[in-house]
């Protein structure tokens, strides 16, 4: 991934992830807790990459 592709790819916090996915922060925590959604911890916050979440959603649509 080039620097240009990586700019803005990182989502930090449930609110940012929720806004991107169109769900509530509470739903983000549930998806993360149940290991349904790809995520990682950054400090004490839940985090994810837009590119990873997009690929995850595309893969879900195929099933």
PDB file of N, CA and C in Angstrom:
ATOM      1  N   UNK A   1       0.844  -1.171   0.000  1.00  0.00           N
ATOM      2  CA  UNK A   1       0.000   0.000   0.000  1.00  0.00           C
ATOM      3  C   UNK A   1       0.895   1.243   0.000  1.00  0.00           C
ATOM      4  N   UNK A   2       0.647   2.149  -0.915  1.00  0.00           N
ATOM      5  CA  UNK A   2       1.442   3.372  -0.974  1.00  0.00           C
ATOM      6  C   UNK A   2       0.982   4.339   0.092  1.00  0.00           C
ATOM      7  N   UNK A   3       1.803   5.349   0.356  1.00  0.00           N
ATOM      8  CA  UNK A   3       1.429   6.353   1.355  1.00  0.00           C
ATOM      9  C   UNK A   3       0.119   7.032   0.983  1.00  0.00           C
ATOM     10  N   UNK A   4      -0.072   7.328  -0.291  1.00  0.00           N
ATOM     11  CA  UNK A   4      -1.308   7.979  -0.739  1.00  0.00           C
ATOM     12  C   UNK A   4      -2.519   7.088  -0.473  1.00  0.00           C
ATOM     13  N   UNK A   5      -2.367   5.782  -0.676  1.00  0.00           N
ATOM     14  CA  UNK A   5      -3.465   4.850  -0.417  1.00  0.00           C
ATOM     15  C   UNK A   5      -3.727   4.699   1.072  1.00  0.00           C
ATOM     16  N   UNK A   6      -2.675   4.829   1.881  1.00  0.00           N
ATOM     17  CA  UNK A   6      -2.790   4.652   3.324  1.00  0.00           C
ATOM     18  C   UNK A   6      -3.362   5.888   4.012  1.00  0.00           C
ATOM     19  N   UNK A   7      -3.227   7.060   3.418  1.00  0.00           N
ATOM     20  CA  UNK A   7      -3.740   8.286   4.025  1.00  0.00           C
ATOM     21  C   UNK A   7      -5.244   8.170   4.222  1.00  0.00           C
ATOM     22  N   UNK A   8      -5.679   8.352   5.445  1.00  0.00           N
ATOM     23  CA  UNK A   8      -7.098   8.292   5.731  1.00  0.00           C
ATOM     24  C   UNK A   8      -7.660   6.895   5.817  1.00  0.00           C
ATOM     25  N   UNK A   9      -6.824   5.860   5.766  1.00  0.00           N
ATOM     26  CA  UNK A   9      -7.302   4.484   5.801  1.00  0.00           C
ATOM     27  C   UNK A   9      -7.613   4.029   7.221  1.00  0.00           C
ATOM     28  N   UNK A  10      -6.978   4.626   8.199  1.00  0.00           N
ATOM     29  CA  UNK A  10      -7.110   4.185   9.581  1.00  0.00           C
ATOM     30  C   UNK A  10      -8.316   4.825  10.254  1.00  0.00           C
ATOM     31  N   UNK A  11      -9.144   4.000  10.877  1.00  0.00           N
ATOM     32  CA  UNK A  11     -10.286   4.464  11.668  1.00  0.00           C
ATOM     33  C   UNK A  11      -9.993   4.128  13.123  1.00  0.00           C
ATOM     34  N   UNK A  12      -9.980   5.133  13.981  1.00  0.00           N
ATOM     35  CA  UNK A  12      -9.693   4.913  15.395  1.00  0.00           C
ATOM     36  C   UNK A  12     -10.923   5.280  16.213  1.00  0.00           C
ATOM     37  N   UNK A  13     -11.388   4.323  16.998  1.00  0.00           N
ATOM     38  CA  UNK A  13     -12.541   4.530  17.861  1.00  0.00           C
ATOM     39  C   UNK A  13     -13.816   3.975  17.261  1.00  0.00           C
ATOM     40  N   UNK A  14     -14.700   3.554  18.149  1.00  0.00           N
ATOM     41  CA  UNK A  14     -15.968   2.962  17.720  1.00  0.00           C
ATOM     42  C   UNK A  14     -16.808   3.949  16.925  1.00  0.00           C
ATOM     43  N   UNK A  15     -16.761   5.220  17.284  1.00  0.00           N
ATOM     44  CA  UNK A  15     -17.572   6.222  16.584  1.00  0.00           C
ATOM     45  C   UNK A  15     -17.147   6.357  15.126  1.00  0.00           C
ATOM     46  N   UNK A  16     -15.845   6.373  14.875  1.00  0.00           N
ATOM     47  CA  UNK A  16     -15.340   6.498  13.499  1.00  0.00           C
ATOM     48  C   UNK A  16     -15.680   5.263  12.679  1.00  0.00           C
ATOM     49  N   UNK A  17     -15.527   4.102  13.275  1.00  0.00           N
ATOM     50  CA  UNK A  17     -15.855   2.855  12.574  1.00  0.00           C
ATOM     51  C   UNK A  17     -17.357   2.794  12.311  1.00  0.00           C
ATOM     52  N   UNK A  18     -18.144   3.165  13.305  1.00  0.00           N
ATOM     53  CA  UNK A  18     -19.603   3.154  13.163  1.00  0.00           C
ATOM     54  C   UNK A  18     -20.064   4.075  12.043  1.00  0.00           C
ATOM     55  N   UNK A  19     -19.486   5.254  11.975  1.00  0.00           N
ATOM     56  CA  UNK A  19     -19.857   6.207  10.919  1.00  0.00           C
ATOM     57  C   UNK A  19     -19.550   5.615   9.544  1.00  0.00           C
ATOM     58  N   UNK A  20     -18.388   4.997   9.407  1.00  0.00           N
ATOM     59  CA  UNK A  20     -17.996   4.390   8.135  1.00  0.00           C
ATOM     60  C   UNK A  20     -18.946   3.254   7.741  1.00  0.00           C
ATOM     61  N   UNK A  21     -19.332   2.420   8.709  1.00  0.00           N
ATOM     62  CA  UNK A  21     -20.181   1.262   8.422  1.00  0.00           C
ATOM     63  C   UNK A  21     -21.677   1.605   8.403  1.00  0.00           C
ATOM     64  N   UNK A  22     -22.039   2.755   8.960  1.00  0.00           N
ATOM     65  CA  UNK A  22     -23.450   3.124   9.017  1.00  0.00           C
ATOM     66  C   UNK A  22     -24.208   2.401  10.113  1.00  0.00           C
ATOM     67  N   UNK A  23     -23.517   2.130  11.214  1.00  0.00           N
ATOM     68  CA  UNK A  23     -24.126   1.464  12.364  1.00  0.00           C
ATOM     69  C   UNK A  23     -23.823   2.274  13.613  1.00  0.00           C
ATOM     70  N   UNK A  24     -24.255   1.791  14.771  1.00  0.00           N
ATOM     71  CA  UNK A  24     -24.000   2.506  16.024  1.00  0.00           C
ATOM     72  C   UNK A  24     -22.674   2.061  16.639  1.00  0.00           C
ATOM     73  N   UNK A  25     -22.077   2.913  17.467  1.00  0.00           N
ATOM     74  CA  UNK A  25     -20.858   2.502  18.168  1.00  0.00           C
ATOM     75  C   UNK A  25     -21.066   1.236  19.006  1.00  0.00           C
ATOM     76  N   UNK A  26     -22.234   1.100  19.587  1.00  0.00           N
ATOM     77  CA  UNK A  26     -22.520  -0.106  20.382  1.00  0.00           C
ATOM     78  C   UNK A  26     -22.440  -1.360  19.501  1.00  0.00           C
ATOM     79  N   UNK A  27     -22.950  -1.268  18.284  1.00  0.00           N
ATOM     80  CA  UNK A  27     -22.869  -2.401  17.358  1.00  0.00           C
ATOM     81  C   UNK A  27     -21.419  -2.702  16.988  1.00  0.00           C
ATOM     82  N   UNK A  28     -20.598  -1.670  16.854  1.00  0.00           N
ATOM     83  CA  UNK A  28     -19.169  -1.868  16.578  1.00  0.00           C
ATOM     84  C   UNK A  28     -18.532  -2.664  17.712  1.00  0.00           C
ATOM     85  N   UNK A  29     -18.808  -2.268  18.957  1.00  0.00           N
ATOM     86  CA  UNK A  29     -18.236  -2.990  20.096  1.00  0.00           C
ATOM     87  C   UNK A  29     -18.690  -4.445  20.104  1.00  0.00           C
ATOM     88  N   UNK A  30     -19.940  -4.702  19.773  1.00  0.00           N
ATOM     89  CA  UNK A  30     -20.457  -6.068  19.759  1.00  0.00           C
ATOM     90  C   UNK A  30     -19.764  -6.885  18.658  1.00  0.00           C
ATOM     91  N   UNK A  31     -19.646  -6.321  17.460  1.00  0.00           N
ATOM     92  CA  UNK A  31     -18.976  -7.022  16.357  1.00  0.00           C
ATOM     93  C   UNK A  31     -17.515  -7.301  16.687  1.00  0.00           C
ATOM     94  N   UNK A  32     -16.867  -6.354  17.350  1.00  0.00           N
ATOM     95  CA  UNK A  32     -15.463  -6.538  17.733  1.00  0.00           C
ATOM     96  C   UNK A  32     -15.343  -7.578  18.844  1.00  0.00           C
ATOM     97  N   UNK A  33     -16.187  -7.472  19.852  1.00  0.00           N
ATOM     98  CA  UNK A  33     -16.144  -8.406  20.992  1.00  0.00           C
ATOM     99  C   UNK A  33     -16.376  -9.841  20.543  1.00  0.00           C
ATOM    100  N   UNK A  34     -17.298 -10.021  19.609  1.00  0.00           N
ATOM    101  CA  UNK A  34     -17.620 -11.356  19.103  1.00  0.00           C
ATOM    102  C   UNK A  34     -16.674 -11.812  17.992  1.00  0.00           C
ATOM    103  N   UNK A  35     -15.667 -11.016  17.674  1.00  0.00           N
ATOM    104  CA  UNK A  35     -14.697 -11.320  16.610  1.00  0.00           C
ATOM    105  C   UNK A  35     -15.370 -11.560  15.260  1.00  0.00           C
ATOM    106  N   UNK A  36     -16.413 -10.813  14.979  1.00  0.00           N
ATOM    107  CA  UNK A  36     -17.110 -10.899  13.701  1.00  0.00           C
ATOM    108  C   UNK A  36     -16.458  -9.955  12.694  1.00  0.00           C
ATOM    109  N   UNK A  37     -16.075  -8.790  13.159  1.00  0.00           N
ATOM    110  CA  UNK A  37     -15.526  -7.723  12.325  1.00  0.00           C
ATOM    111  C   UNK A  37     -14.004  -7.678  12.474  1.00  0.00           C
ATOM    112  N   UNK A  38     -13.282  -7.497  11.376  1.00  0.00           N
ATOM    113  CA  UNK A  38     -11.822  -7.343  11.497  1.00  0.00           C
ATOM    114  C   UNK A  38     -11.501  -6.036  12.221  1.00  0.00           C
ATOM    115  N   UNK A  39     -10.671  -6.123  13.238  1.00  0.00           N
ATOM    116  CA  UNK A  39     -10.312  -4.956  14.037  1.00  0.00           C
ATOM    117  C   UNK A  39      -9.020  -5.254  14.792  1.00  0.00           C
ATOM    118  N   UNK A  40      -8.506  -4.241  15.455  1.00  0.00           N
ATOM    119  CA  UNK A  40      -7.357  -4.397  16.327  1.00  0.00           C
ATOM    120  C   UNK A  40      -7.409  -3.300  17.373  1.00  0.00           C
ATOM    121  N   UNK A  41      -6.627  -3.454  18.420  1.00  0.00           N
ATOM    122  CA  UNK A  41      -6.556  -2.442  19.464  1.00  0.00           C
ATOM    123  C   UNK A  41      -5.391  -1.505  19.164  1.00  0.00           C
ATOM    124  N   UNK A  42      -5.624  -0.240  19.321  1.00  0.00           N
ATOM    125  CA  UNK A  42      -4.585   0.772  19.165  1.00  0.00           C
ATOM    126  C   UNK A  42      -4.608   1.594  20.442  1.00  0.00           C
ATOM    127  N   UNK A  43      -3.628   1.348  21.305  1.00  0.00           N
ATOM    128  CA  UNK A  43      -3.709   1.914  22.645  1.00  0.00           C
ATOM    129  C   UNK A  43      -4.869   1.228  23.343  1.00  0.00           C
ATOM    130  N   UNK A  44      -5.807   1.991  23.830  1.00  0.00           N
ATOM    131  CA  UNK A  44      -6.987   1.418  24.470  1.00  0.00           C
ATOM    132  C   UNK A  44      -8.218   1.471  23.585  1.00  0.00           C
ATOM    133  N   UNK A  45      -8.037   1.846  22.334  1.00  0.00           N
ATOM    134  CA  UNK A  45      -9.176   2.040  21.438  1.00  0.00           C
ATOM    135  C   UNK A  45      -9.281   0.927  20.405  1.00  0.00           C
ATOM    136  N   UNK A  46     -10.512   0.654  19.998  1.00  0.00           N
ATOM    137  CA  UNK A  46     -10.737  -0.266  18.894  1.00  0.00           C
ATOM    138  C   UNK A  46     -10.410   0.492  17.610  1.00  0.00           C
ATOM    139  N   UNK A  47      -9.772  -0.192  16.675  1.00  0.00           N
ATOM    140  CA  UNK A  47      -9.374   0.447  15.419  1.00  0.00           C
ATOM    141  C   UNK A  47      -9.547  -0.539  14.271  1.00  0.00           C
ATOM    142  N   UNK A  48      -9.635   0.012  13.064  1.00  0.00           N
ATOM    143  CA  UNK A  48      -9.746  -0.810  11.863  1.00  0.00           C
ATOM    144  C   UNK A  48      -9.313   0.025  10.673  1.00  0.00           C
ATOM    145  N   UNK A  49      -9.027  -0.639   9.594  1.00  0.00           N
ATOM    146  CA  UNK A  49      -8.688   0.053   8.349  1.00  0.00           C
ATOM    147  C   UNK A  49      -9.906   0.029   7.429  1.00  0.00           C
ATOM    148  N   UNK A  50     -10.152   1.166   6.790  1.00  0.00           N
ATOM    149  CA  UNK A  50     -11.256   1.234   5.822  1.00  0.00           C
ATOM    150  C   UNK A  50     -11.115   0.146   4.760  1.00  0.00           C
ATOM    151  N   UNK A  51      -9.900  -0.028   4.255  1.00  0.00           N
ATOM    152  CA  UNK A  51      -9.666  -1.011   3.193  1.00  0.00           C
ATOM    153  C   UNK A  51      -9.982  -2.428   3.659  1.00  0.00           C
ATOM    154  N   UNK A  52      -9.644  -2.763   4.895  1.00  0.00           N
ATOM    155  CA  UNK A  52      -9.926  -4.091   5.432  1.00  0.00           C
ATOM    156  C   UNK A  52     -11.422  -4.284   5.629  1.00  0.00           C
ATOM    157  N   UNK A  53     -12.098  -3.262   6.152  1.00  0.00           N
ATOM    158  CA  UNK A  53     -13.544  -3.361   6.359  1.00  0.00           C
ATOM    159  C   UNK A  53     -14.278  -3.460   5.022  1.00  0.00           C
ATOM    160  N   UNK A  54     -13.810  -2.744   4.025  1.00  0.00           N
ATOM    161  CA  UNK A  54     -14.429  -2.807   2.704  1.00  0.00           C
ATOM    162  C   UNK A  54     -14.291  -4.207   2.122  1.00  0.00           C
ATOM    163  N   UNK A  55     -13.099  -4.785   2.224  1.00  0.00           N
ATOM    164  CA  UNK A  55     -12.875  -6.151   1.733  1.00  0.00           C
ATOM    165  C   UNK A  55     -13.752  -7.132   2.501  1.00  0.00           C
ATOM    166  N   UNK A  56     -13.867  -6.973   3.795  1.00  0.00           N
ATOM    167  CA  UNK A  56     -14.697  -7.830   4.655  1.00  0.00           C
ATOM    168  C   UNK A  56     -16.160  -7.779   4.192  1.00  0.00           C
ATOM    169  N   UNK A  57     -16.657  -6.578   3.917  1.00  0.00           N
ATOM    170  CA  UNK A  57     -18.051  -6.442   3.468  1.00  0.00           C
ATOM    171  C   UNK A  57     -18.247  -7.075   2.089  1.00  0.00           C
ATOM    172  N   UNK A  58     -17.287  -6.906   1.204  1.00  0.00           N
ATOM    173  CA  UNK A  58     -17.377  -7.523  -0.125  1.00  0.00           C
ATOM    174  C   UNK A  58     -17.413  -9.038   0.005  1.00  0.00           C
ATOM    175  N   UNK A  59     -16.566  -9.571   0.869  1.00  0.00           N
ATOM    176  CA  UNK A  59     -16.547 -11.021   1.085  1.00  0.00           C
ATOM    177  C   UNK A  59     -17.866 -11.510   1.690  1.00  0.00           C
ATOM    178  N   UNK A  60     -18.494 -10.723   2.557  1.00  0.00           N
ATOM    179  CA  UNK A  60     -19.786 -11.092   3.122  1.00  0.00           C
ATOM    180  C   UNK A  60     -20.868 -11.141   2.054  1.00  0.00           C
ATOM    181  N   UNK A  61     -20.795 -10.231   1.099  1.00  0.00           N
ATOM    182  CA  UNK A  61     -21.792 -10.177   0.031  1.00  0.00           C
ATOM    183  C   UNK A  61     -21.708 -11.388  -0.892  1.00  0.00           C
ATOM    184  N   UNK A  62     -20.538 -11.977  -0.992  1.00  0.00           N
ATOM    185  CA  UNK A  62     -20.337 -13.135  -1.875  1.00  0.00           C
ATOM    186  C   UNK A  62     -20.997 -14.394  -1.310  1.00  0.00           C
ATOM    187  N   UNK A  63     -21.202 -14.421  -0.004  1.00  0.00           N
ATOM    188  CA  UNK A  63     -21.771 -15.631   0.639  1.00  0.00           C
ATOM    189  C   UNK A  63     -23.262 -15.618   0.642  1.00  0.00           C
TER     190      UNK A  63
END
